[in-house]
């Protein structure tokens, strides 16, 4: 989950940065293009709504990362409680 959340955060940030850098020309309608590919032509309301959607995806990525980190921390603490701090894992069985 941690990897998936980080991937979502990075993808959202990269898409937003590329969309802003590639579309600095103004006007009533903005042609949104990323890496030379035309995606859509949006007005001010469409740009605002797409910004909201990207912000929600970014927050979802943050929530996934936080949940994965919490799960990992609880699982590690539970293993330390049950096995003890000096526990060494047994060697794998011989074949």
N, C-alpha and C. Protein backbone atom coordinates (compact mmCIF):
# COMPACT_ATOMS: atom_id res chain seq x y z
N UNK A 1 0.83 -1.19 0.00
CA UNK A 1 0.00 0.00 0.00
C UNK A 1 0.87 1.26 0.00
N UNK A 2 1.99 1.17 0.71
CA UNK A 2 2.88 2.31 0.78
C UNK A 2 3.40 2.66 -0.61
N UNK A 3 3.81 1.64 -1.37
CA UNK A 3 4.31 1.86 -2.72
C UNK A 3 3.23 2.43 -3.63
N UNK A 4 2.03 1.89 -3.53
CA UNK A 4 0.91 2.35 -4.36
C UNK A 4 0.58 3.81 -4.07
N UNK A 5 0.58 4.19 -2.79
CA UNK A 5 0.32 5.58 -2.42
C UNK A 5 1.39 6.51 -2.94
N UNK A 6 2.67 6.11 -2.79
CA UNK A 6 3.76 6.95 -3.30
C UNK A 6 3.68 7.08 -4.82
N UNK A 7 3.33 6.01 -5.49
CA UNK A 7 3.18 6.05 -6.95
C UNK A 7 2.07 7.01 -7.36
N UNK A 8 0.96 6.99 -6.65
CA UNK A 8 -0.16 7.89 -6.94
C UNK A 8 0.23 9.35 -6.70
N UNK A 9 0.95 9.60 -5.61
CA UNK A 9 1.39 10.97 -5.30
C UNK A 9 2.35 11.47 -6.37
N UNK A 10 3.33 10.64 -6.75
CA UNK A 10 4.30 11.06 -7.75
C UNK A 10 3.65 11.28 -9.12
N UNK A 11 2.73 10.40 -9.50
CA UNK A 11 2.07 10.55 -10.79
C UNK A 11 1.22 11.81 -10.84
N UNK A 12 0.52 12.09 -9.76
CA UNK A 12 -0.30 13.30 -9.71
C UNK A 12 0.55 14.55 -9.75
N UNK A 13 1.64 14.56 -8.99
CA UNK A 13 2.53 15.72 -8.97
C UNK A 13 3.19 15.92 -10.33
N UNK A 14 3.63 14.84 -10.96
CA UNK A 14 4.27 14.96 -12.27
C UNK A 14 3.29 15.45 -13.32
N UNK A 15 2.08 14.91 -13.33
CA UNK A 15 1.09 15.35 -14.31
C UNK A 15 0.74 16.82 -14.12
N UNK A 16 0.58 17.23 -12.87
CA UNK A 16 0.25 18.63 -12.59
C UNK A 16 1.38 19.55 -13.03
N UNK A 17 2.61 19.18 -12.71
CA UNK A 17 3.76 20.02 -13.09
C UNK A 17 3.90 20.11 -14.60
N UNK A 18 3.76 18.98 -15.29
CA UNK A 18 3.86 19.00 -16.75
C UNK A 18 2.73 19.79 -17.39
N UNK A 19 1.53 19.68 -16.84
CA UNK A 19 0.39 20.42 -17.39
C UNK A 19 0.57 21.92 -17.19
N UNK A 20 1.12 22.33 -16.04
CA UNK A 20 1.32 23.77 -15.79
C UNK A 20 2.44 24.31 -16.67
N UNK A 21 3.56 23.61 -16.73
CA UNK A 21 4.70 24.09 -17.50
C UNK A 21 4.38 24.16 -18.99
N UNK A 22 3.66 23.18 -19.49
CA UNK A 22 3.35 23.14 -20.92
C UNK A 22 2.21 24.03 -21.34
N UNK A 23 1.51 24.66 -20.42
CA UNK A 23 0.31 25.42 -20.77
C UNK A 23 0.32 26.79 -20.10
N UNK A 24 1.40 27.53 -20.26
CA UNK A 24 1.49 28.83 -19.63
C UNK A 24 0.84 29.94 -20.45
N UNK A 25 0.44 29.65 -21.69
CA UNK A 25 -0.23 30.67 -22.49
C UNK A 25 -1.67 30.84 -21.99
N UNK A 26 -2.11 32.07 -21.92
CA UNK A 26 -3.45 32.35 -21.38
C UNK A 26 -4.50 32.37 -22.48
N UNK A 27 -5.70 32.75 -22.11
CA UNK A 27 -6.79 32.84 -23.06
C UNK A 27 -8.07 32.34 -22.44
N UNK A 28 -9.21 32.56 -23.11
CA UNK A 28 -10.48 32.11 -22.53
C UNK A 28 -10.59 30.59 -22.47
N UNK A 29 -10.04 29.90 -23.47
CA UNK A 29 -10.03 28.44 -23.47
C UNK A 29 -8.59 27.98 -23.51
N UNK A 30 -8.27 27.03 -22.68
CA UNK A 30 -6.90 26.53 -22.59
C UNK A 30 -6.84 25.14 -23.21
N UNK A 31 -5.90 24.96 -24.13
CA UNK A 31 -5.66 23.64 -24.71
C UNK A 31 -4.64 22.94 -23.82
N UNK A 32 -5.07 21.95 -23.09
CA UNK A 32 -4.20 21.24 -22.16
C UNK A 32 -3.45 20.17 -22.93
N UNK A 33 -2.12 20.23 -22.85
CA UNK A 33 -1.29 19.22 -23.50
C UNK A 33 -0.19 18.82 -22.54
N UNK A 34 0.12 17.52 -22.55
CA UNK A 34 1.18 16.97 -21.72
C UNK A 34 2.10 16.16 -22.63
N UNK A 35 3.39 16.48 -22.60
CA UNK A 35 4.40 15.82 -23.41
C UNK A 35 4.04 15.82 -24.89
N UNK A 36 3.51 16.93 -25.36
CA UNK A 36 3.18 17.08 -26.77
C UNK A 36 1.87 16.46 -27.21
N UNK A 37 1.12 15.87 -26.33
CA UNK A 37 -0.16 15.26 -26.67
C UNK A 37 -1.29 16.15 -26.17
N UNK A 38 -2.20 16.51 -27.10
CA UNK A 38 -3.35 17.34 -26.74
C UNK A 38 -4.36 16.47 -25.99
N UNK A 39 -4.72 16.90 -24.78
CA UNK A 39 -5.63 16.12 -23.95
C UNK A 39 -7.05 16.66 -24.04
N UNK A 40 -7.19 17.97 -23.83
CA UNK A 40 -8.53 18.57 -23.83
C UNK A 40 -8.40 20.07 -23.99
N UNK A 41 -9.51 20.72 -24.32
CA UNK A 41 -9.61 22.18 -24.32
C UNK A 41 -10.61 22.54 -23.23
N UNK A 42 -10.13 23.28 -22.23
CA UNK A 42 -10.93 23.56 -21.05
C UNK A 42 -11.10 25.05 -20.84
N UNK A 43 -12.26 25.43 -20.33
CA UNK A 43 -12.50 26.79 -19.89
C UNK A 43 -12.09 26.94 -18.44
N UNK A 44 -12.32 28.11 -17.86
CA UNK A 44 -11.90 28.33 -16.47
C UNK A 44 -12.56 27.36 -15.48
N UNK A 45 -13.84 27.05 -15.64
CA UNK A 45 -14.51 26.12 -14.73
C UNK A 45 -13.95 24.71 -14.88
N UNK A 46 -13.67 24.30 -16.09
CA UNK A 46 -13.09 22.97 -16.32
C UNK A 46 -11.70 22.85 -15.73
N UNK A 47 -10.92 23.91 -15.82
CA UNK A 47 -9.58 23.89 -15.23
C UNK A 47 -9.69 23.82 -13.71
N UNK A 48 -10.62 24.56 -13.13
CA UNK A 48 -10.82 24.52 -11.68
C UNK A 48 -11.23 23.13 -11.24
N UNK A 49 -12.17 22.51 -11.94
CA UNK A 49 -12.65 21.18 -11.57
C UNK A 49 -11.55 20.12 -11.75
N UNK A 50 -10.73 20.25 -12.78
CA UNK A 50 -9.63 19.29 -12.94
C UNK A 50 -8.58 19.48 -11.86
N UNK A 51 -8.38 20.71 -11.41
CA UNK A 51 -7.48 20.96 -10.29
C UNK A 51 -8.01 20.33 -9.01
N UNK A 52 -9.32 20.43 -8.80
CA UNK A 52 -9.92 19.77 -7.64
C UNK A 52 -9.74 18.25 -7.70
N UNK A 53 -9.94 17.69 -8.88
CA UNK A 53 -9.79 16.24 -9.03
C UNK A 53 -8.34 15.82 -8.76
N UNK A 54 -7.38 16.57 -9.27
CA UNK A 54 -5.98 16.24 -9.02
C UNK A 54 -5.63 16.39 -7.54
N UNK A 55 -6.18 17.39 -6.88
CA UNK A 55 -5.93 17.57 -5.45
C UNK A 55 -6.53 16.41 -4.65
N UNK A 56 -7.71 15.94 -5.05
CA UNK A 56 -8.32 14.79 -4.37
C UNK A 56 -7.51 13.52 -4.58
N UNK A 57 -6.98 13.32 -5.78
CA UNK A 57 -6.13 12.16 -6.03
C UNK A 57 -4.85 12.24 -5.20
N UNK A 58 -4.29 13.43 -5.09
CA UNK A 58 -3.09 13.63 -4.29
C UNK A 58 -3.38 13.30 -2.82
N UNK A 59 -4.51 13.78 -2.31
CA UNK A 59 -4.88 13.49 -0.92
C UNK A 59 -5.16 12.00 -0.71
N UNK A 60 -5.74 11.35 -1.70
CA UNK A 60 -5.94 9.90 -1.62
C UNK A 60 -4.61 9.18 -1.53
N UNK A 61 -3.63 9.63 -2.31
CA UNK A 61 -2.29 9.05 -2.22
C UNK A 61 -1.69 9.25 -0.84
N UNK A 62 -1.85 10.44 -0.28
CA UNK A 62 -1.35 10.69 1.08
C UNK A 62 -2.03 9.79 2.10
N UNK A 63 -3.34 9.60 1.96
CA UNK A 63 -4.07 8.74 2.89
C UNK A 63 -3.61 7.29 2.78
N UNK A 64 -3.35 6.83 1.57
CA UNK A 64 -2.87 5.46 1.38
C UNK A 64 -1.49 5.29 2.00
N UNK A 65 -0.61 6.27 1.81
CA UNK A 65 0.73 6.20 2.41
C UNK A 65 0.63 6.20 3.93
N UNK A 66 -0.19 7.06 4.49
CA UNK A 66 -0.34 7.11 5.95
C UNK A 66 -0.91 5.80 6.48
N UNK A 67 -1.89 5.24 5.81
CA UNK A 67 -2.46 3.97 6.24
C UNK A 67 -1.46 2.83 6.15
N UNK A 68 -0.68 2.80 5.08
CA UNK A 68 0.34 1.77 4.95
C UNK A 68 1.42 1.88 6.01
N UNK A 69 1.83 3.11 6.32
CA UNK A 69 2.84 3.31 7.36
C UNK A 69 2.31 2.91 8.73
N UNK A 70 1.06 3.24 9.01
CA UNK A 70 0.46 2.87 10.29
C UNK A 70 0.34 1.35 10.41
N UNK A 71 -0.09 0.71 9.33
CA UNK A 71 -0.21 -0.75 9.34
C UNK A 71 1.16 -1.40 9.58
N UNK A 72 2.19 -0.89 8.91
CA UNK A 72 3.53 -1.44 9.07
C UNK A 72 4.02 -1.26 10.51
N UNK A 73 3.79 -0.09 11.07
CA UNK A 73 4.24 0.20 12.44
C UNK A 73 3.52 -0.71 13.44
N UNK A 74 2.22 -0.91 13.28
CA UNK A 74 1.46 -1.78 14.20
C UNK A 74 1.89 -3.24 14.07
N UNK A 75 2.12 -3.66 12.83
CA UNK A 75 2.54 -5.05 12.61
C UNK A 75 3.91 -5.30 13.21
N UNK A 76 4.83 -4.36 13.04
CA UNK A 76 6.16 -4.51 13.61
C UNK A 76 6.10 -4.53 15.13
N UNK A 77 5.30 -3.65 15.72
CA UNK A 77 5.17 -3.62 17.17
C UNK A 77 4.56 -4.92 17.70
N UNK A 78 3.58 -5.46 16.99
CA UNK A 78 2.96 -6.71 17.40
C UNK A 78 3.97 -7.87 17.33
N UNK A 79 4.80 -7.89 16.29
CA UNK A 79 5.81 -8.94 16.18
C UNK A 79 6.84 -8.83 17.30
N UNK A 80 7.23 -7.61 17.65
CA UNK A 80 8.19 -7.43 18.73
C UNK A 80 7.60 -7.86 20.07
N UNK A 81 6.30 -7.61 20.27
CA UNK A 81 5.65 -8.02 21.53
C UNK A 81 5.58 -9.53 21.65
N UNK A 82 5.24 -10.22 20.56
CA UNK A 82 5.04 -11.66 20.62
C UNK A 82 6.36 -12.42 20.60
N UNK A 83 7.34 -11.96 19.86
CA UNK A 83 8.60 -12.69 19.74
C UNK A 83 9.66 -12.21 20.72
N UNK A 84 9.55 -10.97 21.13
CA UNK A 84 10.58 -10.40 22.00
C UNK A 84 11.61 -9.65 21.18
N UNK A 85 12.29 -8.69 21.79
CA UNK A 85 13.21 -7.85 21.03
C UNK A 85 14.46 -8.59 20.54
N UNK A 86 14.90 -9.66 21.23
CA UNK A 86 16.14 -10.33 20.83
C UNK A 86 15.90 -11.58 20.02
N UNK A 87 14.71 -11.77 19.51
CA UNK A 87 14.36 -12.99 18.76
C UNK A 87 15.10 -13.02 17.43
N UNK A 88 15.70 -14.19 17.15
CA UNK A 88 16.35 -14.41 15.86
C UNK A 88 15.53 -15.44 15.10
N UNK A 89 15.25 -15.17 13.86
CA UNK A 89 14.43 -16.08 13.07
C UNK A 89 15.17 -17.41 12.88
N UNK A 90 14.45 -18.54 12.93
CA UNK A 90 15.11 -19.83 12.72
C UNK A 90 15.58 -19.97 11.28
N UNK A 91 16.63 -20.75 11.06
CA UNK A 91 17.12 -20.92 9.67
C UNK A 91 16.10 -21.70 8.87
N UNK A 92 16.11 -21.50 7.56
CA UNK A 92 15.15 -22.25 6.70
C UNK A 92 15.46 -23.74 6.74
N UNK A 93 14.45 -24.58 6.56
CA UNK A 93 14.68 -26.03 6.61
C UNK A 93 15.58 -26.49 5.46
N UNK A 94 16.40 -27.51 5.74
CA UNK A 94 17.31 -28.05 4.73
C UNK A 94 16.50 -28.89 3.74
N UNK A 95 16.94 -28.92 2.52
CA UNK A 95 16.23 -29.68 1.49
C UNK A 95 16.90 -30.98 1.23
